[in-house]
Amino acid sequence: MLWALLIALGVAQAWLGYALRELHRAAHALEDEKGRLMQQLQALKLERAALLRPERLRKEAARRGMRPPRAEQVWHEPGAEAR
């Protein structure tokens, strides 16, 4: 009877060890996926900001009563439109 109990405890310990290793592996996989998704989100935010920039400049110019900047002026460095 004691031997059966020891064998059962050994089997239970082995299964628990396996389950913990699998949980640990899954946790690392989730962290990796989270990092990848956060990088994608940051890239999408930057892309969105780049796409909205000309619209925002046009709205700001309209609010100030100025004519909107020409497309070639929007993307040049400061002072380029004076040339």
Protein backbone atom coordinates (compact mmCIF):
# COMPACT_ATOMS: atom_id res chain seq x y z
CA MET A 1 0.00 0.00 0.00
CA LEU A 2 2.81 2.41 0.86
CA TRP A 3 4.52 1.60 -2.43
CA ALA A 4 1.34 2.35 -4.35
CA LEU A 5 1.03 5.70 -2.58
CA LEU A 6 4.66 6.58 -3.36
CA ILE A 7 4.22 5.61 -7.01
CA ALA A 8 1.01 7.67 -7.23
CA LEU A 9 2.79 10.68 -5.69
CA GLY A 10 5.68 10.29 -8.14
CA VAL A 11 3.29 10.16 -11.09
CA ALA A 12 1.40 13.21 -9.80
CA GLN A 13 4.68 15.09 -9.33
CA ALA A 14 5.75 14.25 -12.88
CA TRP A 15 2.43 15.46 -14.30
CA LEU A 16 2.57 18.67 -12.28
CA GLY A 17 6.12 19.32 -13.46
CA TYR A 18 5.05 18.80 -17.06
CA ALA A 19 2.06 21.11 -16.62
CA LEU A 20 4.23 23.84 -15.06
CA ARG A 21 6.77 23.61 -17.89
CA GLU A 22 3.98 23.93 -20.46
CA LEU A 23 2.49 26.92 -18.64
CA HIS A 24 5.90 28.56 -18.51
CA ARG A 25 6.43 27.98 -22.24
CA ALA A 26 2.96 29.36 -23.01
CA ALA A 27 3.61 32.45 -20.87
CA HIS A 28 6.80 33.18 -22.82
CA ALA A 29 4.97 32.67 -26.11
CA LEU A 30 2.29 35.14 -25.00
CA GLU A 31 4.92 37.70 -24.00
CA ASP A 32 6.59 37.35 -27.40
CA GLU A 33 3.24 37.78 -29.15
CA LYS A 34 2.45 40.82 -27.01
CA GLY A 35 5.77 42.41 -27.97
CA ARG A 36 5.15 41.73 -31.66
CA LEU A 37 1.65 43.22 -31.46
CA MET A 38 2.93 46.29 -29.60
CA GLN A 39 5.50 46.86 -32.36
CA GLN A 40 2.76 46.56 -34.99
CA LEU A 41 0.59 49.01 -33.05
CA GLN A 42 3.42 51.53 -32.82
CA ALA A 43 4.08 51.23 -36.55
CA LEU A 44 0.38 51.77 -37.28
CA LYS A 45 0.29 54.82 -35.01
CA LEU A 46 3.27 56.32 -36.83
CA GLU A 47 1.71 55.57 -40.20
CA ARG A 48 -1.58 57.14 -39.11
CA ALA A 49 0.20 60.25 -37.84
CA ALA A 50 2.05 60.58 -41.14
CA LEU A 51 -1.19 60.25 -43.08
CA LEU A 52 -3.03 62.81 -40.92
CA ARG A 53 -0.26 65.41 -40.92
CA PRO A 54 -1.24 67.15 -44.22
CA GLU A 55 -4.91 67.24 -43.15
CA ARG A 56 -4.00 68.77 -39.80
CA LEU A 57 -1.85 71.43 -41.48
CA ARG A 58 -4.68 72.29 -43.86
CA LYS A 59 -7.19 72.61 -40.99
CA GLU A 60 -4.79 74.77 -38.97
CA ALA A 61 -4.24 77.07 -41.96
CA ALA A 62 -8.00 77.38 -42.52
CA ARG A 63 -8.52 78.20 -38.85
CA ARG A 64 -5.95 80.99 -39.04
CA GLY A 65 -7.45 82.31 -42.26
CA MET A 66 -4.38 81.47 -44.28
CA ARG A 67 -4.27 79.64 -47.54
CA PRO A 68 -3.34 75.97 -47.17
CA PRO A 69 0.30 75.11 -47.81
CA ARG A 70 1.19 73.62 -51.16
CA ALA A 71 1.90 69.90 -51.12
CA GLU A 72 5.59 70.38 -51.85
CA GLN A 73 5.91 72.71 -48.85
CA VAL A 74 4.38 70.28 -46.40
CA TRP A 75 7.14 67.71 -46.50
CA HIS A 76 10.22 69.95 -46.77
CA GLU A 77 12.40 70.99 -43.89
CA PRO A 78 11.73 74.39 -42.28
CA GLY A 79 12.88 77.27 -44.46
CA ALA A 80 12.63 75.27 -47.69
CA GLU A 81 9.61 77.24 -48.93
CA ALA A 82 11.64 80.49 -48.84
CA ARG A 83 13.92 79.25 -51.63
